[in-house]
PDB file of N, CA and C in Angstrom:
ATOM      1  N   GLY A   1      20.162  18.761  11.615  1.00  0.00           N
ATOM      2  CA  GLY A   1      21.086  17.745  11.170  1.00  0.00           C
ATOM      3  C   GLY A   1      20.669  16.345  11.542  1.00  0.00           C
ATOM      4  N   VAL A   2      19.435  16.144  12.004  1.00  0.00           N
ATOM      5  CA  VAL A   2      18.999  14.799  12.393  1.00  0.00           C
ATOM      6  C   VAL A   2      18.613  13.971  11.185  1.00  0.00           C
ATOM      7  N   TRP A   3      17.956  14.600  10.214  1.00  0.00           N
ATOM      8  CA  TRP A   3      17.455  13.831   9.066  1.00  0.00           C
ATOM      9  C   TRP A   3      17.661  14.644   7.800  1.00  0.00           C
ATOM     10  N   LEU A   4      18.445  14.126   6.914  1.00  0.00           N
ATOM     11  CA  LEU A   4      18.664  14.761   5.622  1.00  0.00           C
ATOM     12  C   LEU A   4      18.455  13.698   4.567  1.00  0.00           C
ATOM     13  N   GLU A   5      17.561  13.985   3.663  1.00  0.00           N
ATOM     14  CA  GLU A   5      17.263  13.008   2.629  1.00  0.00           C
ATOM     15  C   GLU A   5      17.458  13.656   1.272  1.00  0.00           C
ATOM     16  N   ARG A   6      18.246  13.013   0.476  1.00  0.00           N
ATOM     17  CA  ARG A   6      18.477  13.493  -0.879  1.00  0.00           C
ATOM     18  C   ARG A   6      18.314  12.322  -1.832  1.00  0.00           C
ATOM     19  N   GLY A   7      17.708  12.597  -2.917  1.00  0.00           N
ATOM     20  CA  GLY A   7      17.545  11.542  -3.903  1.00  0.00           C
ATOM     21  C   GLY A   7      17.167  12.129  -5.240  1.00  0.00           C
ATOM     22  N   ARG A   8      17.550  11.433  -6.247  1.00  0.00           N
ATOM     23  CA  ARG A   8      17.189  11.846  -7.595  1.00  0.00           C
ATOM     24  C   ARG A   8      16.777  10.594  -8.362  1.00  0.00           C
ATOM     25  N   VAL A   9      15.608  10.661  -8.925  1.00  0.00           N
ATOM     26  CA  VAL A   9      15.102   9.556  -9.722  1.00  0.00           C
ATOM     27  C   VAL A   9      14.879  10.087 -11.127  1.00  0.00           C
ATOM     28  N   GLN A  10      15.549   9.481 -12.066  1.00  0.00           N
ATOM     29  CA  GLN A  10      15.370   9.890 -13.457  1.00  0.00           C
ATOM     30  C   GLN A  10      14.398   8.928 -14.137  1.00  0.00           C
ATOM     31  N   ALA A  11      13.385   9.490 -14.750  1.00  0.00           N
ATOM     32  CA  ALA A  11      12.364   8.674 -15.408  1.00  0.00           C
ATOM     33  C   ALA A  11      12.946   7.812 -16.521  1.00  0.00           C
ATOM     34  N   SER A  12      14.064   8.213 -17.067  1.00  0.00           N
ATOM     35  CA  SER A  12      14.665   7.440 -18.156  1.00  0.00           C
ATOM     36  C   SER A  12      15.478   6.243 -17.662  1.00  0.00           C
ATOM     37  N   ASP A  13      15.659   6.103 -16.353  1.00  0.00           N
ATOM     38  CA  ASP A  13      16.427   4.993 -15.790  1.00  0.00           C
ATOM     39  C   ASP A  13      15.539   3.746 -15.729  1.00  0.00           C
ATOM     40  N   GLN A  14      15.553   2.979 -16.799  1.00  0.00           N
ATOM     41  CA  GLN A  14      14.686   1.804 -16.913  1.00  0.00           C
ATOM     42  C   GLN A  14      15.025   0.723 -15.892  1.00  0.00           C
ATOM     43  N   ARG A  15      16.295   0.578 -15.584  1.00  0.00           N
ATOM     44  CA  ARG A  15      16.679  -0.443 -14.607  1.00  0.00           C
ATOM     45  C   ARG A  15      16.080  -0.111 -13.242  1.00  0.00           C
ATOM     46  N   LEU A  16      16.141   1.151 -12.846  1.00  0.00           N
ATOM     47  CA  LEU A  16      15.554   1.565 -11.572  1.00  0.00           C
ATOM     48  C   LEU A  16      14.036   1.399 -11.597  1.00  0.00           C
ATOM     49  N   ARG A  17      13.403   1.784 -12.671  1.00  0.00           N
ATOM     50  CA  ARG A  17      11.937   1.715 -12.751  1.00  0.00           C
ATOM     51  C   ARG A  17      11.393   0.308 -12.670  1.00  0.00           C
ATOM     52  N   PHE A  18      12.094  -0.658 -13.282  1.00  0.00           N
ATOM     53  CA  PHE A  18      11.510  -1.994 -13.390  1.00  0.00           C
ATOM     54  C   PHE A  18      12.193  -3.054 -12.550  1.00  0.00           C
ATOM     55  N   SER A  19      13.324  -2.765 -11.960  1.00  0.00           N
ATOM     56  CA  SER A  19      14.028  -3.741 -11.128  1.00  0.00           C
ATOM     57  C   SER A  19      13.276  -3.990  -9.825  1.00  0.00           C
ATOM     58  N   GLN A  20      13.327  -5.225  -9.341  1.00  0.00           N
ATOM     59  CA  GLN A  20      12.734  -5.539  -8.048  1.00  0.00           C
ATOM     60  C   GLN A  20      13.486  -4.841  -6.918  1.00  0.00           C
ATOM     61  N   LEU A  21      14.708  -4.418  -7.168  1.00  0.00           N
ATOM     62  CA  LEU A  21      15.475  -3.662  -6.181  1.00  0.00           C
ATOM     63  C   LEU A  21      15.221  -2.165  -6.308  1.00  0.00           C
ATOM     64  N   GLY A  22      14.429  -1.777  -7.290  1.00  0.00           N
ATOM     65  CA  GLY A  22      14.082  -0.380  -7.508  1.00  0.00           C
ATOM     66  C   GLY A  22      12.598  -0.177  -7.282  1.00  0.00           C
ATOM     67  N   LEU A  23      11.932   0.380  -8.277  1.00  0.00           N
ATOM     68  CA  LEU A  23      10.510   0.691  -8.162  1.00  0.00           C
ATOM     69  C   LEU A  23       9.597  -0.469  -8.557  1.00  0.00           C
ATOM     70  N   ALA A  24      10.173  -1.530  -9.094  1.00  0.00           N
ATOM     71  CA  ALA A  24       9.422  -2.740  -9.446  1.00  0.00           C
ATOM     72  C   ALA A  24       8.223  -2.434 -10.352  1.00  0.00           C
ATOM     73  N   GLY A  25       8.382  -1.490 -11.261  1.00  0.00           N
ATOM     74  CA  GLY A  25       7.320  -1.147 -12.198  1.00  0.00           C
ATOM     75  C   GLY A  25       6.301  -0.158 -11.659  1.00  0.00           C
ATOM     76  N   ASN A  26       6.413   0.226 -10.395  1.00  0.00           N
ATOM     77  CA  ASN A  26       5.493   1.207  -9.814  1.00  0.00           C
ATOM     78  C   ASN A  26       5.852   2.608 -10.293  1.00  0.00           C
ATOM     79  N   THR A  27       4.853   3.463 -10.352  1.00  0.00           N
ATOM     80  CA  THR A  27       5.085   4.829 -10.821  1.00  0.00           C
ATOM     81  C   THR A  27       4.905   5.875  -9.729  1.00  0.00           C
ATOM     82  N   CYS A  28       4.606   5.448  -8.508  1.00  0.00           N
ATOM     83  CA  CYS A  28       4.407   6.372  -7.400  1.00  0.00           C
ATOM     84  C   CYS A  28       5.254   5.942  -6.211  1.00  0.00           C
ATOM     85  N   MET A  29       6.033   6.888  -5.685  1.00  0.00           N
ATOM     86  CA  MET A  29       6.763   6.701  -4.433  1.00  0.00           C
ATOM     87  C   MET A  29       6.170   7.678  -3.432  1.00  0.00           C
ATOM     88  N   ALA A  30       5.874   7.212  -2.224  1.00  0.00           N
ATOM     89  CA  ALA A  30       5.275   8.078  -1.214  1.00  0.00           C
ATOM     90  C   ALA A  30       5.999   7.904   0.115  1.00  0.00           C
ATOM     91  N   SER A  31       6.133   8.989   0.853  1.00  0.00           N
ATOM     92  CA  SER A  31       6.778   8.959   2.161  1.00  0.00           C
ATOM     93  C   SER A  31       5.975   9.787   3.152  1.00  0.00           C
ATOM     94  N   LEU A  32       5.961   9.336   4.401  1.00  0.00           N
ATOM     95  CA  LEU A  32       5.351  10.068   5.496  1.00  0.00           C
ATOM     96  C   LEU A  32       6.332   9.991   6.653  1.00  0.00           C
ATOM     97  N   PHE A  33       6.624  11.141   7.271  1.00  0.00           N
ATOM     98  CA  PHE A  33       7.584  11.193   8.363  1.00  0.00           C
ATOM     99  C   PHE A  33       6.928  11.726   9.622  1.00  0.00           C
ATOM    100  N   PHE A  34       7.228  11.104  10.724  1.00  0.00           N
ATOM    101  CA  PHE A  34       6.889  11.602  12.046  1.00  0.00           C
ATOM    102  C   PHE A  34       8.226  11.992  12.642  1.00  0.00           C
ATOM    103  N   ALA A  35       8.503  13.289  12.711  1.00  0.00           N
ATOM    104  CA  ALA A  35       9.802  13.776  13.159  1.00  0.00           C
ATOM    105  C   ALA A  35       9.614  14.801  14.272  1.00  0.00           C
ATOM    106  N   VAL A  36      10.464  14.713  15.279  1.00  0.00           N
ATOM    107  CA  VAL A  36      10.381  15.616  16.421  1.00  0.00           C
ATOM    108  C   VAL A  36      11.756  16.176  16.747  1.00  0.00           C
ATOM    109  N   GLY A  37      11.792  17.229  17.559  1.00  0.00           N
ATOM    110  CA  GLY A  37      13.041  17.917  17.863  1.00  0.00           C
ATOM    111  C   GLY A  37      13.902  17.257  18.912  1.00  0.00           C
ATOM    112  N   SER A  38      13.340  16.343  19.701  1.00  0.00           N
ATOM    113  CA  SER A  38      14.128  15.617  20.697  1.00  0.00           C
ATOM    114  C   SER A  38      13.757  14.138  20.606  1.00  0.00           C
ATOM    115  N   ASP A  39      14.584  13.303  21.208  1.00  0.00           N
ATOM    116  CA  ASP A  39      14.348  11.862  21.114  1.00  0.00           C
ATOM    117  C   ASP A  39      12.952  11.496  21.618  1.00  0.00           C
ATOM    118  N   LEU A  40      12.268  10.660  20.835  1.00  0.00           N
ATOM    119  CA  LEU A  40      10.980  10.130  21.265  1.00  0.00           C
ATOM    120  C   LEU A  40      11.224   9.069  22.328  1.00  0.00           C
ATOM    121  N   PRO A  41      10.458   9.072  23.405  1.00  0.00           N
ATOM    122  CA  PRO A  41      10.581   7.962  24.348  1.00  0.00           C
ATOM    123  C   PRO A  41      10.277   6.645  23.617  1.00  0.00           C
ATOM    124  N   ARG A  42      11.030   5.621  23.921  1.00  0.00           N
ATOM    125  CA  ARG A  42      10.891   4.351  23.214  1.00  0.00           C
ATOM    126  C   ARG A  42       9.442   3.838  23.160  1.00  0.00           C
ATOM    127  N   PRO A  43       8.659   3.885  24.253  1.00  0.00           N
ATOM    128  CA  PRO A  43       7.266   3.399  24.156  1.00  0.00           C
ATOM    129  C   PRO A  43       6.428   4.187  23.145  1.00  0.00           C
ATOM    130  N   ARG A  44       6.637   5.495  23.076  1.00  0.00           N
ATOM    131  CA  ARG A  44       5.868   6.309  22.114  1.00  0.00           C
ATOM    132  C   ARG A  44       6.290   5.993  20.683  1.00  0.00           C
ATOM    133  N   ARG A  45       7.596   5.830  20.466  1.00  0.00           N
ATOM    134  CA  ARG A  45       8.086   5.470  19.127  1.00  0.00           C
ATOM    135  C   ARG A  45       7.555   4.098  18.721  1.00  0.00           C
ATOM    136  N   GLU A  46       7.534   3.160  19.650  1.00  0.00           N
ATOM    137  CA  GLU A  46       6.994   1.822  19.351  1.00  0.00           C
ATOM    138  C   GLU A  46       5.503   1.887  19.034  1.00  0.00           C
ATOM    139  N   ARG A  47       4.757   2.753  19.726  1.00  0.00           N
ATOM    140  CA  ARG A  47       3.328   2.916  19.415  1.00  0.00           C
ATOM    141  C   ARG A  47       3.140   3.431  18.001  1.00  0.00           C
ATOM    142  N   ALA A  48       3.978   4.396  17.593  1.00  0.00           N
ATOM    143  CA  ALA A  48       3.893   4.934  16.233  1.00  0.00           C
ATOM    144  C   ALA A  48       4.209   3.844  15.210  1.00  0.00           C
ATOM    145  N   LEU A  49       5.248   3.065  15.463  1.00  0.00           N
ATOM    146  CA  LEU A  49       5.615   1.980  14.552  1.00  0.00           C
ATOM    147  C   LEU A  49       4.522   0.920  14.496  1.00  0.00           C
ATOM    148  N   ASP A  50       4.040   0.484  15.652  1.00  0.00           N
ATOM    149  CA  ASP A  50       3.011  -0.559  15.698  1.00  0.00           C
ATOM    150  C   ASP A  50       1.718  -0.117  15.024  1.00  0.00           C
ATOM    151  N   ALA A  51       1.323   1.137  15.244  1.00  0.00           N
ATOM    152  CA  ALA A  51       0.088   1.637  14.626  1.00  0.00           C
ATOM    153  C   ALA A  51       0.211   1.642  13.104  1.00  0.00           C
ATOM    154  N   ALA A  52       1.342   2.113  12.600  1.00  0.00           N
ATOM    155  CA  ALA A  52       1.546   2.135  11.141  1.00  0.00           C
ATOM    156  C   ALA A  52       1.606   0.719  10.589  1.00  0.00           C
ATOM    157  N   ARG A  53       2.297  -0.171  11.263  1.00  0.00           N
ATOM    158  CA  ARG A  53       2.393  -1.565  10.794  1.00  0.00           C
ATOM    159  C   ARG A  53       1.035  -2.237  10.770  1.00  0.00           C
ATOM    160  N   HIS A  54       0.213  -1.950  11.772  1.00  0.00           N
ATOM    161  CA  HIS A  54      -1.137  -2.529  11.796  1.00  0.00           C
ATOM    162  C   HIS A  54      -1.923  -2.088  10.565  1.00  0.00           C
ATOM    163  N   ILE A  55      -1.857  -0.818  10.236  1.00  0.00           N
ATOM    164  CA  ILE A  55      -2.570  -0.320   9.055  1.00  0.00           C
ATOM    165  C   ILE A  55      -1.998  -0.947   7.787  1.00  0.00           C
ATOM    166  N   LEU A  56      -0.677  -1.060   7.700  1.00  0.00           N
ATOM    167  CA  LEU A  56      -0.062  -1.678   6.520  1.00  0.00           C
ATOM    168  C   LEU A  56      -0.548  -3.108   6.322  1.00  0.00           C
ATOM    169  N   HIS A  57      -0.700  -3.849   7.418  1.00  0.00           N
ATOM    170  CA  HIS A  57      -1.089  -5.260   7.320  1.00  0.00           C
ATOM    171  C   HIS A  57      -2.582  -5.463   7.119  1.00  0.00           C
ATOM    172  N   THR A  58      -3.390  -4.455   7.376  1.00  0.00           N
ATOM    173  CA  THR A  58      -4.837  -4.608   7.219  1.00  0.00           C
ATOM    174  C   THR A  58      -5.376  -3.875   6.002  1.00  0.00           C
ATOM    175  N   GLN A  59      -4.486  -3.358   5.172  1.00  0.00           N
ATOM    176  CA  GLN A  59      -4.894  -2.645   3.959  1.00  0.00           C
ATOM    177  C   GLN A  59      -5.611  -3.574   2.998  1.00  0.00           C
ATOM    178  N   ALA A  60      -6.691  -3.090   2.399  1.00  0.00           N
ATOM    179  CA  ALA A  60      -7.403  -3.871   1.390  1.00  0.00           C
ATOM    180  C   ALA A  60      -6.585  -3.989   0.110  1.00  0.00           C
ATOM    181  N   VAL A  61      -5.864  -2.924  -0.236  1.00  0.00           N
ATOM    182  CA  VAL A  61      -5.029  -2.913  -1.432  1.00  0.00           C
ATOM    183  C   VAL A  61      -3.589  -3.181  -1.005  1.00  0.00           C
ATOM    184  N   ALA A  62      -2.999  -4.242  -1.524  1.00  0.00           N
ATOM    185  CA  ALA A  62      -1.628  -4.588  -1.159  1.00  0.00           C
ATOM    186  C   ALA A  62      -0.647  -3.660  -1.870  1.00  0.00           C
ATOM    187  N   LEU A  63       0.166  -2.975  -1.089  1.00  0.00           N
ATOM    188  CA  LEU A  63       1.199  -2.097  -1.629  1.00  0.00           C
ATOM    189  C   LEU A  63       2.547  -2.553  -1.084  1.00  0.00           C
ATOM    190  N   ALA A  64       3.595  -2.222  -1.806  1.00  0.00           N
ATOM    191  CA  ALA A  64       4.938  -2.432  -1.280  1.00  0.00           C
ATOM    192  C   ALA A  64       5.186  -1.281  -0.321  1.00  0.00           C
ATOM    193  N   ALA A  65       5.158  -1.550   0.979  1.00  0.00           N
ATOM    194  CA  ALA A  65       5.276  -0.480   1.964  1.00  0.00           C
ATOM    195  C   ALA A  65       5.928  -1.004   3.234  1.00  0.00           C
ATOM    196  N   GLY A  66       6.507  -0.076   3.979  1.00  0.00           N
ATOM    197  CA  GLY A  66       7.117  -0.428   5.242  1.00  0.00           C
ATOM    198  C   GLY A  66       7.284   0.786   6.114  1.00  0.00           C
ATOM    199  N   VAL A  67       7.564   0.538   7.391  1.00  0.00           N
ATOM    200  CA  VAL A  67       7.768   1.609   8.366  1.00  0.00           C
ATOM    201  C   VAL A  67       8.996   1.266   9.192  1.00  0.00           C
ATOM    202  N   THR A  68       9.769   2.283   9.525  1.00  0.00           N
ATOM    203  CA  THR A  68      10.983   2.098  10.304  1.00  0.00           C
ATOM    204  C   THR A  68      11.280   3.352  11.106  1.00  0.00           C
ATOM    205  N   SER A  69      12.192   3.212  12.039  1.00  0.00           N
ATOM    206  CA  SER A  69      12.657   4.363  12.815  1.00  0.00           C
ATOM    207  C   SER A  69      14.177   4.404  12.685  1.00  0.00           C
ATOM    208  N   PRO A  70      14.683   5.201  11.737  1.00  0.00           N
ATOM    209  CA  PRO A  70      16.124   5.235  11.498  1.00  0.00           C
ATOM    210  C   PRO A  70      16.931   5.884  12.614  1.00  0.00           C
ATOM    211  N   ASN A  71      16.266   6.669  13.454  1.00  0.00           N
ATOM    212  CA  ASN A  71      16.914   7.222  14.651  1.00  0.00           C
ATOM    213  C   ASN A  71      15.818   7.589  15.648  1.00  0.00           C
ATOM    214  N   PRO A  72      16.158   7.909  16.892  1.00  0.00           N
ATOM    215  CA  PRO A  72      15.143   8.140  17.928  1.00  0.00           C
ATOM    216  C   PRO A  72      14.231   9.346  17.710  1.00  0.00           C
ATOM    217  N   ARG A  73      14.488  10.145  16.688  1.00  0.00           N
ATOM    218  CA  ARG A  73      13.659  11.322  16.435  1.00  0.00           C
ATOM    219  C   ARG A  73      12.769  11.200  15.206  1.00  0.00           C
ATOM    220  N   VAL A  74      12.873  10.106  14.482  1.00  0.00           N
ATOM    221  CA  VAL A  74      12.168   9.983  13.199  1.00  0.00           C
ATOM    222  C   VAL A  74      11.526   8.613  13.057  1.00  0.00           C
ATOM    223  N   VAL A  75      10.272   8.610  12.599  1.00  0.00           N
ATOM    224  CA  VAL A  75       9.602   7.390  12.143  1.00  0.00           C
ATOM    225  C   VAL A  75       9.239   7.655  10.687  1.00  0.00           C
ATOM    226  N   ALA A  76       9.608   6.739   9.805  1.00  0.00           N
ATOM    227  CA  ALA A  76       9.397   6.935   8.367  1.00  0.00           C
ATOM    228  C   ALA A  76       8.548   5.810   7.786  1.00  0.00           C
ATOM    229  N   VAL A  77       7.567   6.204   6.989  1.00  0.00           N
ATOM    230  CA  VAL A  77       6.739   5.252   6.244  1.00  0.00           C
ATOM    231  C   VAL A  77       7.041   5.459   4.767  1.00  0.00           C
ATOM    232  N   ARG A  78       7.266   4.379   4.058  1.00  0.00           N
ATOM    233  CA  ARG A  78       7.531   4.432   2.611  1.00  0.00           C
ATOM    234  C   ARG A  78       6.555   3.506   1.906  1.00  0.00           C
ATOM    235  N   ALA A  79       6.144   3.921   0.710  1.00  0.00           N
ATOM    236  CA  ALA A  79       5.238   3.082  -0.074  1.00  0.00           C
ATOM    237  C   ALA A  79       5.527   3.244  -1.557  1.00  0.00           C
ATOM    238  N   LEU A  80       5.355   2.159  -2.272  1.00  0.00           N
ATOM    239  CA  LEU A  80       5.387   2.154  -3.735  1.00  0.00           C
ATOM    240  C   LEU A  80       4.007   1.728  -4.209  1.00  0.00           C
ATOM    241  N   ALA A  81       3.518   2.375  -5.241  1.00  0.00           N
ATOM    242  CA  ALA A  81       2.182   2.055  -5.749  1.00  0.00           C
ATOM    243  C   ALA A  81       2.137   2.279  -7.244  1.00  0.00           C
ATOM    244  N   PRO A  82       1.207   1.604  -7.938  1.00  0.00           N
ATOM    245  CA  PRO A  82       1.073   1.811  -9.373  1.00  0.00           C
ATOM    246  C   PRO A  82       0.410   3.148  -9.710  1.00  0.00           C
ATOM    247  N   GLN A  83      -0.309   3.721  -8.731  1.00  0.00           N
ATOM    248  CA  GLN A  83      -0.986   5.010  -8.908  1.00  0.00           C
ATOM    249  C   GLN A  83      -0.881   5.808  -7.608  1.00  0.00           C
ATOM    250  N   VAL A  84      -1.154   7.096  -7.678  1.00  0.00           N
ATOM    251  CA  VAL A  84      -1.052   7.970  -6.514  1.00  0.00           C
ATOM    252  C   VAL A  84      -2.107   7.644  -5.458  1.00  0.00           C
ATOM    253  N   GLU A  85      -3.333   7.395  -5.866  1.00  0.00           N
ATOM    254  CA  GLU A  85      -4.442   7.275  -4.928  1.00  0.00           C
ATOM    255  C   GLU A  85      -4.247   6.204  -3.863  1.00  0.00           C
ATOM    256  N   PRO A  86      -3.842   4.978  -4.196  1.00  0.00           N
ATOM    257  CA  PRO A  86      -3.656   3.988  -3.124  1.00  0.00           C
ATOM    258  C   PRO A  86      -2.578   4.392  -2.119  1.00  0.00           C
ATOM    259  N   ALA A  87      -1.495   4.977  -2.588  1.00  0.00           N
ATOM    260  CA  ALA A  87      -0.432   5.417  -1.677  1.00  0.00           C
ATOM    261  C   ALA A  87      -0.927   6.563  -0.801  1.00  0.00           C
ATOM    262  N   LEU A  88      -1.613   7.535  -1.390  1.00  0.00           N
ATOM    263  CA  LEU A  88      -2.133   8.666  -0.628  1.00  0.00           C
ATOM    264  C   LEU A  88      -3.135   8.197   0.419  1.00  0.00           C
ATOM    265  N   ASN A  89      -4.021   7.285   0.052  1.00  0.00           N
ATOM    266  CA  ASN A  89      -5.008   6.773   1.000  1.00  0.00           C
ATOM    267  C   ASN A  89      -4.335   6.061   2.170  1.00  0.00           C
ATOM    268  N   LEU A  90      -3.286   5.307   1.882  1.00  0.00           N
ATOM    269  CA  LEU A  90      -2.541   4.632   2.945  1.00  0.00           C
ATOM    270  C   LEU A  90      -1.929   5.647   3.901  1.00  0.00           C
ATOM    271  N   LEU A  91      -1.253   6.647   3.360  1.00  0.00           N
ATOM    272  CA  LEU A  91      -0.595   7.640   4.217  1.00  0.00           C
ATOM    273  C   LEU A  91      -1.613   8.462   5.006  1.00  0.00           C
ATOM    274  N   LYS A  92      -2.767   8.729   4.420  1.00  0.00           N
ATOM    275  CA  LYS A  92      -3.820   9.444   5.149  1.00  0.00           C
ATOM    276  C   LYS A  92      -4.285   8.641   6.362  1.00  0.00           C
ATOM    277  N   LYS A  93      -4.439   7.330   6.187  1.00  0.00           N
ATOM    278  CA  LYS A  93      -4.880   6.482   7.295  1.00  0.00           C
ATOM    279  C   LYS A  93      -3.847   6.463   8.416  1.00  0.00           C
ATOM    280  N   ILE A  94      -2.583   6.355   8.056  1.00  0.00           N
ATOM    281  CA  ILE A  94      -1.530   6.337   9.071  1.00  0.00           C
ATOM    282  C   ILE A  94      -1.457   7.685   9.773  1.00  0.00           C
ATOM    283  N   TRP A  95      -1.525   8.772   9.013  1.00  0.00           N
ATOM    284  CA  TRP A  95      -1.505  10.122   9.591  1.00  0.00           C
ATOM    285  C   TRP A  95      -2.645  10.283  10.599  1.00  0.00           C
ATOM    286  N   ALA A  96      -3.852   9.873  10.195  1.00  0.00           N
ATOM    287  CA  ALA A  96      -5.013  10.001  11.086  1.00  0.00           C
ATOM    288  C   ALA A  96      -4.826   9.150  12.338  1.00  0.00           C
ATOM    289  N   CYS A  97      -4.314   7.963  12.185  1.00  0.00           N
ATOM    290  CA  CYS A  97      -4.074   7.093  13.330  1.00  0.00           C
ATOM    291  C   CYS A  97      -3.059   7.708  14.276  1.00  0.00           C
ATOM    292  N   TRP A  98      -1.969   8.232  13.747  1.00  0.00           N
ATOM    293  CA  TRP A  98      -0.963   8.877  14.589  1.00  0.00           C
ATOM    294  C   TRP A  98      -1.558  10.060  15.350  1.00  0.00           C
ATOM    295  N   ARG A  99      -2.397  10.864  14.682  1.00  0.00           N
ATOM    296  CA  ARG A  99      -2.994  12.028  15.357  1.00  0.00           C
ATOM    297  C   ARG A  99      -3.840  11.597  16.545  1.00  0.00           C
ATOM    298  N   THR A 100      -4.641  10.560  16.369  1.00  0.00           N
ATOM    299  CA  THR A 100      -5.496  10.127  17.478  1.00  0.00           C
ATOM    300  C   THR A 100      -4.707   9.337  18.517  1.00  0.00           C
ATOM    301  N   GLU A 101      -3.815   8.485  18.080  1.00  0.00           N
ATOM    302  CA  GLU A 101      -3.055   7.614  18.984  1.00  0.00           C
ATOM    303  C   GLU A 101      -1.987   8.372  19.774  1.00  0.00           C
ATOM    304  N   LEU A 102      -1.275   9.270  19.132  1.00  0.00           N
ATOM    305  CA  LEU A 102      -0.120   9.908  19.769  1.00  0.00           C
ATOM    306  C   LEU A 102      -0.410  11.286  20.364  1.00  0.00           C
ATOM    307  N   TRP A 103      -1.447  11.956  19.860  1.00  0.00           N
ATOM    308  CA  TRP A 103      -1.744  13.307  20.360  1.00  0.00           C
ATOM    309  C   TRP A 103      -3.176  13.477  20.838  1.00  0.00           C
ATOM    310  N   GLN A 104      -4.030  12.486  20.642  1.00  0.00           N
ATOM    311  CA  GLN A 104      -5.449  12.590  20.990  1.00  0.00           C
ATOM    312  C   GLN A 104      -6.092  13.801  20.303  1.00  0.00           C
ATOM    313  N   LEU A 105      -5.739  14.009  19.041  1.00  0.00           N
ATOM    314  CA  LEU A 105      -6.289  15.106  18.248  1.00  0.00           C
ATOM    315  C   LEU A 105      -7.274  14.561  17.218  1.00  0.00           C
ATOM    316  N   PRO A 106      -8.216  15.394  16.774  1.00  0.00           N
ATOM    317  CA  PRO A 106      -9.143  14.956  15.721  1.00  0.00           C
ATOM    318  C   PRO A 106      -8.408  14.756  14.401  1.00  0.00           C
ATOM    319  N   THR A 107      -9.044  14.034  13.527  1.00  0.00           N
ATOM    320  CA  THR A 107      -8.411  13.705  12.242  1.00  0.00           C
ATOM    321  C   THR A 107      -8.920  14.581  11.117  1.00  0.00           C
ATOM    322  N   ASP A 108      -9.149  15.846  11.384  1.00  0.00           N
ATOM    323  CA  ASP A 108      -9.539  16.784  10.332  1.00  0.00           C
ATOM    324  C   ASP A 108      -8.377  16.905   9.352  1.00  0.00           C
ATOM    325  N   GLN A 109      -8.619  16.471   8.137  1.00  0.00           N
ATOM    326  CA  GLN A 109      -7.539  16.466   7.144  1.00  0.00           C
ATOM    327  C   GLN A 109      -7.278  17.868   6.609  1.00  0.00           C
ATOM    328  N   PRO A 110      -6.037  18.149   6.268  1.00  0.00           N
ATOM    329  CA  PRO A 110      -5.720  19.446   5.647  1.00  0.00           C
ATOM    330  C   PRO A 110      -6.482  19.626   4.334  1.00  0.00           C
ATOM    331  N   ARG A 111      -6.861  20.855   4.033  1.00  0.00           N
ATOM    332  CA  ARG A 111      -7.622  21.128   2.794  1.00  0.00           C
ATOM    333  C   ARG A 111      -6.860  20.714   1.551  1.00  0.00           C
ATOM    334  N   ILE A 112      -5.525  20.739   1.612  1.00  0.00           N
ATOM    335  CA  ILE A 112      -4.740  20.405   0.435  1.00  0.00           C
ATOM    336  C   ILE A 112      -4.973  18.959   0.000  1.00  0.00           C
ATOM    337  N   TRP A 113      -5.431  18.106   0.931  1.00  0.00           N
ATOM    338  CA  TRP A 113      -5.702  16.708   0.593  1.00  0.00           C
ATOM    339  C   TRP A 113      -7.067  16.504  -0.059  1.00  0.00           C
ATOM    340  N   ALA A 114      -7.908  17.509  -0.060  1.00  0.00           N
ATOM    341  CA  ALA A 114      -9.232  17.368  -0.658  1.00  0.00           C
ATOM    342  C   ALA A 114      -9.092  17.165  -2.156  1.00  0.00           C
ATOM    343  N   MET A 115      -9.774  16.174  -2.662  1.00  0.00           N
ATOM    344  CA  MET A 115      -9.684  15.872  -4.095  1.00  0.00           C
ATOM    345  C   MET A 115     -11.008  16.057  -4.760  1.00  0.00           C
TER     346      MET A 115
END
């Protein structure tokens, strides 16, 4: 019961697709969550936020993206992009950074990400 996300986006909703308060003409929405079963200590949560923000600000391709922590157990990254590849590449970089920064684990990507 910590995080429940529900949403429905209808492709025929032109106002949502093209509004600056909606998708702003982008065709890809991407999300990455760092979620745990108990509250993250504030310094660790701040490290996750700072690491993601650093990657967002140093991206070669500018995307509409942001990172937040809606509660002490979740860090969420959201991105809008005109295509899947820039959003996926962004989330891969953040995922890899979190693995090395927060767990000291290698960044071997899951096979499902192989293109």
